[in-house]
N, C-alpha and C. Protein backbone atom coordinates (compact mmCIF):
# COMPACT_ATOMS: atom_id res chain seq x y z
N MET A 1 -26.66 -10.92 21.09
CA MET A 1 -25.63 -9.93 21.38
C MET A 1 -26.15 -8.56 21.00
N SER A 2 -26.06 -7.60 21.92
CA SER A 2 -26.55 -6.26 21.62
C SER A 2 -25.63 -5.56 20.63
N SER A 3 -26.14 -4.53 19.98
CA SER A 3 -25.33 -3.79 18.99
C SER A 3 -24.15 -3.10 19.65
N LYS A 4 -24.33 -2.63 20.91
CA LYS A 4 -23.22 -1.98 21.62
C LYS A 4 -22.11 -2.99 21.94
N THR A 5 -22.51 -4.19 22.38
CA THR A 5 -21.52 -5.23 22.68
C THR A 5 -20.78 -5.64 21.41
N PHE A 6 -21.54 -5.81 20.31
CA PHE A 6 -20.92 -6.17 19.04
C PHE A 6 -19.95 -5.10 18.57
N LEU A 7 -20.32 -3.84 18.70
CA LEU A 7 -19.44 -2.73 18.29
C LEU A 7 -18.17 -2.71 19.13
N LEU A 8 -18.33 -2.92 20.43
CA LEU A 8 -17.16 -2.95 21.31
C LEU A 8 -16.23 -4.10 20.94
N LEU A 9 -16.81 -5.29 20.70
CA LEU A 9 -16.02 -6.45 20.33
C LEU A 9 -15.30 -6.22 19.00
N ALA A 10 -16.00 -5.66 18.04
CA ALA A 10 -15.39 -5.37 16.73
C ALA A 10 -14.25 -4.38 16.86
N THR A 11 -14.41 -3.37 17.72
CA THR A 11 -13.36 -2.37 17.94
C THR A 11 -12.13 -3.01 18.55
N VAL A 12 -12.33 -3.88 19.56
CA VAL A 12 -11.20 -4.56 20.21
C VAL A 12 -10.46 -5.44 19.21
N VAL A 13 -11.20 -6.22 18.41
CA VAL A 13 -10.58 -7.10 17.42
C VAL A 13 -9.80 -6.27 16.41
N ALA A 14 -10.36 -5.17 15.93
CA ALA A 14 -9.67 -4.30 14.97
C ALA A 14 -8.41 -3.73 15.58
N PHE A 15 -8.48 -3.34 16.85
CA PHE A 15 -7.30 -2.79 17.53
C PHE A 15 -6.19 -3.83 17.65
N VAL A 16 -6.56 -5.06 18.03
CA VAL A 16 -5.57 -6.12 18.18
C VAL A 16 -4.89 -6.41 16.86
N PHE A 17 -5.68 -6.50 15.77
CA PHE A 17 -5.07 -6.80 14.48
C PHE A 17 -4.24 -5.62 13.96
N SER A 18 -4.66 -4.40 14.22
CA SER A 18 -3.87 -3.26 13.76
C SER A 18 -2.59 -3.13 14.56
N ALA A 19 -2.61 -3.51 15.83
CA ALA A 19 -1.41 -3.43 16.66
C ALA A 19 -0.38 -4.46 16.22
N ARG A 20 -0.81 -5.54 15.59
CA ARG A 20 0.10 -6.59 15.14
C ARG A 20 0.47 -6.43 13.67
N ALA A 21 0.01 -5.34 13.02
CA ALA A 21 0.24 -5.17 11.59
C ALA A 21 1.72 -5.18 11.27
N ALA A 22 2.10 -5.92 10.24
CA ALA A 22 3.47 -6.00 9.76
C ALA A 22 3.40 -6.59 8.36
N ASP A 23 4.58 -6.85 7.76
CA ASP A 23 4.56 -7.52 6.48
C ASP A 23 3.85 -8.87 6.64
N PRO A 24 2.98 -9.23 5.71
CA PRO A 24 2.27 -10.50 5.85
C PRO A 24 3.22 -11.69 5.73
N ASP A 25 2.92 -12.76 6.49
CA ASP A 25 3.70 -13.98 6.37
C ASP A 25 3.41 -14.63 5.02
N ILE A 26 4.44 -15.28 4.46
CA ILE A 26 4.23 -15.99 3.20
C ILE A 26 4.23 -17.48 3.48
N THR A 27 3.62 -18.24 2.57
CA THR A 27 3.49 -19.69 2.78
C THR A 27 4.43 -20.48 1.87
N SER A 28 5.43 -19.79 1.31
CA SER A 28 6.45 -20.45 0.50
C SER A 28 7.81 -19.89 0.90
N ASP A 29 8.86 -20.46 0.37
CA ASP A 29 10.21 -19.97 0.71
C ASP A 29 10.43 -18.54 0.24
N PHE A 30 9.91 -18.22 -0.92
CA PHE A 30 10.06 -16.88 -1.50
C PHE A 30 9.00 -16.67 -2.56
N ILE A 31 8.85 -15.42 -2.99
CA ILE A 31 7.84 -15.05 -3.99
C ILE A 31 8.54 -14.62 -5.26
N VAL A 32 8.12 -15.18 -6.38
CA VAL A 32 8.72 -14.86 -7.67
C VAL A 32 7.64 -14.23 -8.55
N PRO A 33 7.94 -13.05 -9.14
CA PRO A 33 6.95 -12.42 -10.04
C PRO A 33 6.65 -13.33 -11.23
N PRO A 34 5.44 -13.22 -11.79
CA PRO A 34 5.07 -14.05 -12.95
C PRO A 34 6.04 -13.87 -14.11
N GLY A 35 6.35 -14.96 -14.78
CA GLY A 35 7.20 -14.89 -15.97
C GLY A 35 8.69 -14.93 -15.68
N ILE A 36 9.08 -15.08 -14.41
CA ILE A 36 10.50 -15.12 -14.06
C ILE A 36 10.83 -16.49 -13.50
N THR A 37 11.94 -17.07 -13.99
CA THR A 37 12.46 -18.31 -13.44
C THR A 37 13.62 -17.93 -12.53
N PRO A 38 13.50 -18.18 -11.23
CA PRO A 38 14.55 -17.71 -10.31
C PRO A 38 15.86 -18.49 -10.45
N ASP A 39 16.95 -17.75 -10.37
CA ASP A 39 18.28 -18.32 -10.25
C ASP A 39 19.03 -17.43 -9.27
N ALA A 40 20.31 -17.60 -9.10
CA ALA A 40 21.07 -16.81 -8.13
C ALA A 40 21.02 -15.32 -8.45
N ASN A 41 20.89 -14.96 -9.71
CA ASN A 41 20.80 -13.54 -10.09
C ASN A 41 19.55 -12.88 -9.51
N PHE A 42 18.47 -13.64 -9.39
CA PHE A 42 17.23 -13.10 -8.83
C PHE A 42 17.44 -12.65 -7.39
N PHE A 43 18.32 -13.32 -6.67
CA PHE A 43 18.57 -13.01 -5.27
C PHE A 43 19.78 -12.08 -5.06
N THR A 44 20.25 -11.48 -6.13
CA THR A 44 21.43 -10.60 -6.08
C THR A 44 21.03 -9.17 -6.43
N PHE A 45 21.50 -8.21 -5.64
CA PHE A 45 21.27 -6.79 -5.91
C PHE A 45 22.62 -6.09 -6.02
N ARG A 46 22.86 -5.41 -7.13
CA ARG A 46 24.16 -4.79 -7.37
C ARG A 46 24.09 -3.25 -7.33
N GLY A 47 23.01 -2.72 -6.81
CA GLY A 47 22.78 -1.28 -6.88
C GLY A 47 23.55 -0.43 -5.89
N PHE A 48 24.30 -1.05 -4.98
CA PHE A 48 25.00 -0.26 -3.95
C PHE A 48 26.46 0.02 -4.28
N ARG A 49 26.96 -0.50 -5.37
CA ARG A 49 28.39 -0.39 -5.65
C ARG A 49 28.88 1.06 -5.64
N GLU A 50 28.20 1.94 -6.32
CA GLU A 50 28.62 3.34 -6.39
C GLU A 50 28.31 4.09 -5.10
N SER A 51 27.22 3.74 -4.44
CA SER A 51 26.77 4.52 -3.28
C SER A 51 27.65 4.32 -2.05
N LEU A 52 28.49 3.31 -2.04
CA LEU A 52 29.37 3.08 -0.89
C LEU A 52 30.71 3.80 -1.02
N LEU A 53 30.88 4.57 -2.10
CA LEU A 53 32.17 5.19 -2.38
C LEU A 53 32.34 6.60 -1.84
N GLY A 54 31.36 7.17 -1.19
CA GLY A 54 31.50 8.53 -0.65
C GLY A 54 30.22 9.31 -0.76
N GLY A 55 30.36 10.64 -0.85
CA GLY A 55 29.20 11.53 -0.89
C GLY A 55 28.39 11.37 -2.15
N PRO A 56 27.21 11.97 -2.17
CA PRO A 56 26.32 11.87 -3.34
C PRO A 56 26.89 12.60 -4.54
N LYS A 57 26.55 12.13 -5.74
CA LYS A 57 27.02 12.77 -6.98
C LYS A 57 26.38 14.15 -7.15
N ASN A 58 25.10 14.25 -6.82
CA ASN A 58 24.37 15.51 -6.98
C ASN A 58 23.60 15.81 -5.71
N GLY A 59 23.61 17.06 -5.28
CA GLY A 59 22.82 17.46 -4.12
C GLY A 59 23.52 17.18 -2.82
N SER A 60 22.78 17.38 -1.74
CA SER A 60 23.37 17.26 -0.40
C SER A 60 23.09 15.90 0.24
N PHE A 61 22.11 15.16 -0.31
CA PHE A 61 21.73 13.87 0.27
C PHE A 61 21.20 12.96 -0.82
N GLN A 62 21.55 11.69 -0.72
CA GLN A 62 21.02 10.70 -1.67
C GLN A 62 20.81 9.38 -0.95
N ALA A 63 19.66 8.76 -1.19
CA ALA A 63 19.36 7.44 -0.64
C ALA A 63 19.25 6.45 -1.79
N THR A 64 20.00 5.36 -1.72
CA THR A 64 19.90 4.27 -2.68
C THR A 64 19.23 3.12 -1.94
N LYS A 65 18.03 2.74 -2.41
CA LYS A 65 17.22 1.76 -1.68
C LYS A 65 17.22 0.40 -2.35
N ALA A 66 17.10 -0.63 -1.53
CA ALA A 66 16.80 -1.98 -2.00
C ALA A 66 15.56 -2.43 -1.23
N THR A 67 14.39 -2.05 -1.76
CA THR A 67 13.11 -2.51 -1.23
C THR A 67 12.54 -3.52 -2.22
N GLN A 68 11.35 -4.00 -1.98
CA GLN A 68 10.75 -4.95 -2.91
C GLN A 68 10.51 -4.33 -4.28
N VAL A 69 10.51 -3.00 -4.36
CA VAL A 69 10.33 -2.32 -5.65
C VAL A 69 11.59 -2.46 -6.49
N GLU A 70 12.76 -2.14 -5.90
CA GLU A 70 14.02 -2.20 -6.62
C GLU A 70 14.60 -3.61 -6.69
N PHE A 71 14.24 -4.45 -5.73
CA PHE A 71 14.83 -5.78 -5.56
C PHE A 71 13.69 -6.76 -5.26
N PRO A 72 12.98 -7.24 -6.29
CA PRO A 72 11.77 -8.05 -6.10
C PRO A 72 11.96 -9.30 -5.23
N ALA A 73 13.18 -9.80 -5.10
CA ALA A 73 13.40 -10.99 -4.25
C ALA A 73 13.09 -10.71 -2.79
N LEU A 74 12.99 -9.44 -2.39
CA LEU A 74 12.66 -9.10 -1.01
C LEU A 74 11.18 -9.22 -0.70
N THR A 75 10.34 -9.33 -1.72
CA THR A 75 8.90 -9.44 -1.49
C THR A 75 8.59 -10.61 -0.56
N GLY A 76 7.91 -10.30 0.55
CA GLY A 76 7.54 -11.32 1.52
C GLY A 76 8.62 -11.66 2.53
N GLN A 77 9.81 -11.04 2.42
CA GLN A 77 10.92 -11.37 3.31
C GLN A 77 11.02 -10.46 4.54
N SER A 78 10.22 -9.42 4.61
CA SER A 78 10.18 -8.51 5.77
C SER A 78 11.52 -7.87 6.08
N VAL A 79 12.26 -7.54 5.05
CA VAL A 79 13.55 -6.88 5.23
C VAL A 79 13.86 -6.02 4.01
N SER A 80 14.54 -4.89 4.23
CA SER A 80 15.05 -4.06 3.15
C SER A 80 16.21 -3.26 3.69
N ILE A 81 16.91 -2.57 2.80
CA ILE A 81 18.13 -1.87 3.19
C ILE A 81 18.30 -0.64 2.31
N ALA A 82 19.02 0.35 2.82
CA ALA A 82 19.31 1.55 2.04
C ALA A 82 20.70 2.05 2.39
N VAL A 83 21.37 2.64 1.41
CA VAL A 83 22.64 3.33 1.65
C VAL A 83 22.35 4.82 1.57
N LEU A 84 22.74 5.55 2.62
CA LEU A 84 22.49 6.98 2.71
C LEU A 84 23.80 7.73 2.54
N GLN A 85 23.86 8.62 1.54
CA GLN A 85 25.06 9.39 1.26
C GLN A 85 24.80 10.86 1.60
N PHE A 86 25.69 11.44 2.38
CA PHE A 86 25.56 12.82 2.82
C PHE A 86 26.76 13.62 2.33
N ALA A 87 26.50 14.71 1.61
CA ALA A 87 27.58 15.65 1.29
C ALA A 87 27.94 16.39 2.57
N ALA A 88 29.02 17.16 2.54
CA ALA A 88 29.34 18.02 3.67
C ALA A 88 28.14 18.92 3.94
N ARG A 89 27.69 18.96 5.18
CA ARG A 89 26.51 19.72 5.62
C ARG A 89 25.21 19.18 5.03
N GLY A 90 25.24 17.98 4.48
CA GLY A 90 24.04 17.37 3.91
C GLY A 90 23.13 16.82 4.98
N LEU A 91 21.83 16.75 4.68
CA LEU A 91 20.88 16.25 5.67
C LEU A 91 19.75 15.45 5.04
N ASN A 92 19.25 14.52 5.81
CA ASN A 92 18.04 13.78 5.49
C ASN A 92 16.96 14.40 6.38
N PRO A 93 16.05 15.22 5.80
CA PRO A 93 15.12 16.00 6.62
C PRO A 93 14.18 15.13 7.45
N PRO A 94 13.52 15.72 8.45
CA PRO A 94 12.61 14.96 9.30
C PRO A 94 11.60 14.14 8.48
N HIS A 95 11.48 12.87 8.85
CA HIS A 95 10.60 11.95 8.11
C HIS A 95 10.23 10.80 9.04
N THR A 96 9.33 9.95 8.57
CA THR A 96 8.93 8.75 9.31
C THR A 96 8.91 7.56 8.37
N HIS A 97 8.97 6.36 8.95
CA HIS A 97 8.75 5.11 8.22
C HIS A 97 7.57 4.42 8.89
N PRO A 98 6.40 4.45 8.27
CA PRO A 98 5.19 3.95 8.94
C PRO A 98 5.15 2.45 9.17
N ARG A 99 5.97 1.67 8.44
CA ARG A 99 5.86 0.22 8.55
C ARG A 99 7.07 -0.47 9.16
N SER A 100 8.06 0.29 9.65
CA SER A 100 9.23 -0.37 10.20
C SER A 100 10.07 0.56 11.05
N ALA A 101 10.78 -0.02 12.01
CA ALA A 101 11.88 0.67 12.67
C ALA A 101 13.04 0.74 11.67
N GLU A 102 14.02 1.59 11.98
CA GLU A 102 15.21 1.72 11.13
C GLU A 102 16.45 1.54 12.00
N LEU A 103 17.35 0.66 11.59
CA LEU A 103 18.62 0.48 12.27
C LEU A 103 19.72 1.02 11.36
N LEU A 104 20.39 2.08 11.81
CA LEU A 104 21.38 2.78 11.00
C LEU A 104 22.77 2.54 11.56
N ILE A 105 23.75 2.30 10.68
CA ILE A 105 25.16 2.20 11.08
C ILE A 105 25.98 3.12 10.18
N VAL A 106 26.85 3.92 10.80
CA VAL A 106 27.71 4.84 10.05
C VAL A 106 28.92 4.05 9.54
N VAL A 107 29.20 4.15 8.23
CA VAL A 107 30.34 3.44 7.65
C VAL A 107 31.43 4.40 7.16
N GLN A 108 31.11 5.69 7.09
CA GLN A 108 32.11 6.68 6.72
C GLN A 108 31.72 8.02 7.32
N GLY A 109 32.67 8.74 7.89
CA GLY A 109 32.41 10.07 8.43
C GLY A 109 31.68 10.02 9.75
N THR A 110 30.93 11.09 10.03
CA THR A 110 30.16 11.22 11.26
C THR A 110 28.77 11.75 10.94
N LEU A 111 27.82 11.45 11.80
CA LEU A 111 26.46 11.93 11.63
C LEU A 111 25.88 12.34 12.97
N SER A 112 25.03 13.38 12.94
CA SER A 112 24.19 13.71 14.07
C SER A 112 22.80 13.21 13.74
N VAL A 113 22.23 12.40 14.63
CA VAL A 113 20.93 11.78 14.35
C VAL A 113 20.01 11.98 15.55
N GLY A 114 18.72 11.85 15.31
CA GLY A 114 17.78 11.95 16.41
C GLY A 114 16.37 11.62 16.01
N PHE A 115 15.53 11.39 17.03
CA PHE A 115 14.10 11.19 16.80
C PHE A 115 13.33 11.84 17.93
N VAL A 116 12.04 12.07 17.68
CA VAL A 116 11.14 12.67 18.67
C VAL A 116 10.08 11.65 19.01
N ASP A 117 9.89 11.36 20.32
CA ASP A 117 8.90 10.36 20.70
C ASP A 117 7.51 10.99 20.80
N SER A 118 6.53 10.17 21.18
CA SER A 118 5.14 10.65 21.23
C SER A 118 4.88 11.62 22.38
N ASN A 119 5.84 11.79 23.27
CA ASN A 119 5.74 12.80 24.33
C ASN A 119 6.51 14.07 23.97
N ASN A 120 6.91 14.16 22.71
CA ASN A 120 7.64 15.32 22.17
C ASN A 120 9.04 15.46 22.78
N LYS A 121 9.64 14.34 23.19
CA LYS A 121 11.00 14.36 23.72
C LYS A 121 11.98 14.01 22.60
N LEU A 122 13.04 14.82 22.47
CA LEU A 122 14.06 14.59 21.47
C LEU A 122 15.18 13.71 22.02
N TYR A 123 15.51 12.65 21.26
CA TYR A 123 16.65 11.79 21.57
C TYR A 123 17.66 12.00 20.44
N GLN A 124 18.79 12.62 20.74
CA GLN A 124 19.76 12.98 19.71
C GLN A 124 21.15 12.48 20.10
N LYS A 125 21.93 12.04 19.09
CA LYS A 125 23.26 11.50 19.35
C LYS A 125 24.19 11.79 18.19
N PHE A 126 25.47 12.01 18.50
CA PHE A 126 26.50 12.19 17.49
C PHE A 126 27.17 10.84 17.28
N LEU A 127 27.18 10.36 16.03
CA LEU A 127 27.69 9.03 15.71
C LEU A 127 28.99 9.09 14.92
N PHE A 128 29.90 8.16 15.23
CA PHE A 128 31.15 8.01 14.51
C PHE A 128 31.10 6.73 13.69
N LYS A 129 32.08 6.55 12.80
CA LYS A 129 32.17 5.34 11.99
C LYS A 129 32.10 4.11 12.89
N GLY A 130 31.19 3.19 12.55
CA GLY A 130 31.01 1.97 13.33
C GLY A 130 29.91 2.05 14.36
N ASP A 131 29.40 3.25 14.64
CA ASP A 131 28.30 3.40 15.60
C ASP A 131 26.96 3.09 14.94
N ALA A 132 26.04 2.53 15.72
CA ALA A 132 24.69 2.22 15.24
C ALA A 132 23.65 2.94 16.10
N PHE A 133 22.48 3.21 15.51
CA PHE A 133 21.40 3.90 16.21
C PHE A 133 20.09 3.36 15.66
N VAL A 134 19.09 3.18 16.53
CA VAL A 134 17.79 2.70 16.07
C VAL A 134 16.75 3.81 16.18
N PHE A 135 15.94 3.92 15.12
CA PHE A 135 14.82 4.86 15.10
C PHE A 135 13.54 4.02 15.20
N PRO A 136 12.77 4.15 16.30
CA PRO A 136 11.55 3.33 16.45
C PRO A 136 10.54 3.58 15.33
N LYS A 137 9.78 2.56 15.05
CA LYS A 137 8.80 2.60 13.95
C LYS A 137 7.83 3.76 14.08
N GLY A 138 7.66 4.50 12.99
CA GLY A 138 6.65 5.55 12.92
C GLY A 138 7.01 6.88 13.54
N LEU A 139 8.16 6.97 14.24
CA LEU A 139 8.51 8.23 14.90
C LEU A 139 9.31 9.14 13.96
N VAL A 140 9.11 10.44 14.11
CA VAL A 140 9.81 11.43 13.30
C VAL A 140 11.29 11.40 13.65
N HIS A 141 12.15 11.32 12.62
CA HIS A 141 13.59 11.29 12.86
C HIS A 141 14.34 11.97 11.73
N PHE A 142 15.64 12.17 11.93
CA PHE A 142 16.47 12.87 10.95
C PHE A 142 17.91 12.41 11.09
N GLN A 143 18.72 12.73 10.06
CA GLN A 143 20.16 12.54 10.11
C GLN A 143 20.80 13.74 9.41
N VAL A 144 21.92 14.21 9.94
CA VAL A 144 22.62 15.35 9.32
C VAL A 144 24.13 15.17 9.47
N ASN A 145 24.86 15.51 8.41
CA ASN A 145 26.31 15.52 8.43
C ASN A 145 26.74 16.95 8.77
N GLU A 146 27.16 17.16 10.00
CA GLU A 146 27.53 18.50 10.45
C GLU A 146 28.92 18.91 9.98
N GLU A 147 29.67 17.97 9.43
CA GLU A 147 31.01 18.25 8.94
C GLU A 147 30.95 19.19 7.73
N SER A 148 31.80 20.21 7.71
CA SER A 148 31.76 21.21 6.64
C SER A 148 32.65 20.85 5.45
N ARG A 149 33.48 19.79 5.58
CA ARG A 149 34.39 19.46 4.49
C ARG A 149 34.26 18.05 3.94
N TYR A 150 33.81 17.10 4.75
CA TYR A 150 33.87 15.69 4.35
C TYR A 150 32.48 15.07 4.26
N PRO A 151 32.29 14.14 3.31
CA PRO A 151 31.01 13.44 3.21
C PRO A 151 30.87 12.37 4.28
N ALA A 152 29.68 11.80 4.38
CA ALA A 152 29.40 10.70 5.30
C ALA A 152 28.53 9.68 4.57
N VAL A 153 28.66 8.42 4.99
CA VAL A 153 27.86 7.34 4.42
C VAL A 153 27.34 6.47 5.56
N ALA A 154 26.07 6.08 5.48
CA ALA A 154 25.48 5.18 6.47
C ALA A 154 24.65 4.12 5.75
N ILE A 155 24.46 3.00 6.41
CA ILE A 155 23.60 1.93 5.90
C ILE A 155 22.44 1.78 6.87
N SER A 156 21.22 1.74 6.33
CA SER A 156 20.01 1.57 7.14
C SER A 156 19.32 0.26 6.78
N ALA A 157 18.95 -0.50 7.80
CA ALA A 157 18.21 -1.75 7.62
C ALA A 157 16.81 -1.58 8.18
N PHE A 158 15.83 -2.20 7.53
CA PHE A 158 14.42 -2.08 7.90
C PHE A 158 13.79 -3.46 8.04
N GLY A 159 12.83 -3.58 8.96
CA GLY A 159 12.11 -4.83 9.18
C GLY A 159 10.86 -4.93 8.33
N SER A 160 10.94 -4.44 7.11
CA SER A 160 9.82 -4.50 6.16
C SER A 160 10.41 -4.48 4.76
N ALA A 161 9.79 -5.18 3.84
CA ALA A 161 10.25 -5.14 2.46
C ALA A 161 9.93 -3.81 1.80
N ASN A 162 9.06 -3.02 2.44
CA ASN A 162 8.74 -1.68 1.94
C ASN A 162 8.32 -0.84 3.14
N ALA A 163 9.31 -0.27 3.84
CA ALA A 163 9.04 0.47 5.08
C ALA A 163 8.25 1.75 4.84
N GLY A 164 8.33 2.31 3.63
CA GLY A 164 7.68 3.58 3.33
C GLY A 164 8.44 4.73 3.95
N THR A 165 8.40 5.88 3.30
CA THR A 165 9.02 7.09 3.82
C THR A 165 8.04 8.24 3.66
N VAL A 166 7.75 8.92 4.77
CA VAL A 166 6.89 10.10 4.75
C VAL A 166 7.75 11.29 5.13
N SER A 167 8.14 12.08 4.13
CA SER A 167 8.97 13.27 4.37
C SER A 167 8.08 14.39 4.87
N LEU A 168 8.36 14.91 6.06
CA LEU A 168 7.49 15.95 6.63
C LEU A 168 7.46 17.22 5.79
N PRO A 169 8.61 17.75 5.32
CA PRO A 169 8.51 18.96 4.50
C PRO A 169 7.66 18.77 3.25
N LYS A 170 7.86 17.65 2.54
CA LYS A 170 7.08 17.42 1.31
C LYS A 170 5.63 17.13 1.63
N THR A 171 5.38 16.38 2.71
CA THR A 171 4.01 16.04 3.06
C THR A 171 3.23 17.28 3.49
N LEU A 172 3.83 18.10 4.33
CA LEU A 172 3.13 19.28 4.84
C LEU A 172 3.02 20.39 3.80
N PHE A 173 4.11 20.62 3.06
CA PHE A 173 4.16 21.79 2.19
C PHE A 173 4.10 21.47 0.70
N GLY A 174 3.94 20.22 0.35
CA GLY A 174 3.86 19.87 -1.05
C GLY A 174 2.67 19.01 -1.41
N SER A 175 1.73 18.86 -0.48
CA SER A 175 0.62 17.93 -0.71
C SER A 175 -0.69 18.61 -1.08
N GLY A 176 -0.73 19.94 -1.04
CA GLY A 176 -1.96 20.65 -1.37
C GLY A 176 -2.81 21.06 -0.18
N ILE A 177 -2.30 20.88 1.04
CA ILE A 177 -3.02 21.37 2.22
C ILE A 177 -3.17 22.88 2.07
N TYR A 178 -4.32 23.42 2.43
CA TYR A 178 -4.57 24.86 2.30
C TYR A 178 -3.45 25.68 2.94
N ASP A 179 -2.97 26.71 2.22
CA ASP A 179 -1.91 27.55 2.76
C ASP A 179 -2.37 28.30 4.01
N TRP A 180 -3.65 28.69 4.06
CA TRP A 180 -4.13 29.41 5.24
C TRP A 180 -4.18 28.50 6.46
N LEU A 181 -4.49 27.20 6.22
CA LEU A 181 -4.52 26.25 7.32
C LEU A 181 -3.10 26.04 7.88
N LEU A 182 -2.12 25.92 6.97
CA LEU A 182 -0.73 25.78 7.40
C LEU A 182 -0.25 27.04 8.12
N ALA A 183 -0.65 28.21 7.61
CA ALA A 183 -0.25 29.47 8.24
C ALA A 183 -0.77 29.55 9.68
N GLN A 184 -2.03 29.19 9.87
CA GLN A 184 -2.58 29.22 11.22
C GLN A 184 -1.92 28.16 12.11
N SER A 185 -1.66 26.99 11.56
CA SER A 185 -1.06 25.91 12.34
C SER A 185 0.35 26.27 12.81
N PHE A 186 1.11 26.95 11.94
CA PHE A 186 2.49 27.31 12.27
C PHE A 186 2.61 28.74 12.79
N LYS A 187 1.47 29.38 13.02
CA LYS A 187 1.42 30.74 13.58
C LYS A 187 2.29 31.71 12.78
N THR A 188 2.04 31.71 11.47
CA THR A 188 2.75 32.63 10.58
C THR A 188 1.76 33.13 9.54
N ASP A 189 2.25 33.79 8.51
CA ASP A 189 1.36 34.36 7.49
C ASP A 189 1.37 33.51 6.22
N VAL A 190 0.36 33.72 5.37
CA VAL A 190 0.20 32.94 4.14
C VAL A 190 1.38 33.15 3.20
N GLY A 191 1.93 34.38 3.16
CA GLY A 191 3.06 34.67 2.29
C GLY A 191 4.27 33.79 2.61
N THR A 192 4.55 33.63 3.90
CA THR A 192 5.67 32.78 4.33
C THR A 192 5.41 31.33 3.94
N ILE A 193 4.19 30.87 4.15
CA ILE A 193 3.84 29.49 3.78
C ILE A 193 3.97 29.30 2.29
N ASP A 194 3.53 30.28 1.50
CA ASP A 194 3.63 30.16 0.03
C ASP A 194 5.08 30.04 -0.41
N LYS A 195 6.00 30.74 0.26
CA LYS A 195 7.42 30.63 -0.08
C LYS A 195 7.95 29.24 0.25
N ILE A 196 7.53 28.68 1.39
CA ILE A 196 7.98 27.36 1.78
C ILE A 196 7.40 26.31 0.82
N ILE A 197 6.13 26.48 0.43
CA ILE A 197 5.51 25.55 -0.51
C ILE A 197 6.24 25.59 -1.84
N ALA A 198 6.59 26.78 -2.32
CA ALA A 198 7.30 26.91 -3.59
C ALA A 198 8.65 26.21 -3.52
N ALA A 199 9.34 26.32 -2.39
CA ALA A 199 10.65 25.68 -2.24
C ALA A 199 10.54 24.16 -2.19
N ASN A 200 9.43 23.65 -1.68
CA ASN A 200 9.26 22.20 -1.53
C ASN A 200 8.60 21.54 -2.74
N THR A 201 8.13 22.32 -3.69
CA THR A 201 7.52 21.76 -4.89
C THR A 201 8.35 22.06 -6.12
N ALA A 202 9.47 22.74 -5.94
CA ALA A 202 10.33 23.09 -7.10
C ALA A 202 11.04 21.86 -7.61
């Protein structure tokens, strides 16, 4: 086999496996961390009790997550969930989940939601209590409570025990990318970028 043929074959195999990437399958019913004897408590998460009662206690937006980090029984189960609380005019800024789609249902108030596809097309919808919306895996999306007086609450389900969240403002302006590079990319000046960086790292 020539080196070019081998390289082509290796590239195709890598592409096929990367296209199928997801949470790995497990070979047992569930995974238990070392030193823990599972009982019904291991499979119970009580962290949502307060978050379902209305707007966030502090700030304009709060996410309470049950991923494999907060709820170890989810490890290997390819599922997680979050409760999203929005104050009046609160927002969940543009972000992505690299390992899962997100299925959101509004349980209190109203939300304006949307995502941008790889052709730079915006899909946006106004949701009422009981409405659901799906954000495809890896695409930039957002949610905002446009109501000026009342909070909103939504529940998001993910097809991964740890979907990951990449916040665009924090990633772009809080990661240490050169300010001059950001200024040129956004066609503005370094002073403006420095102000945005300061706001996102405070």
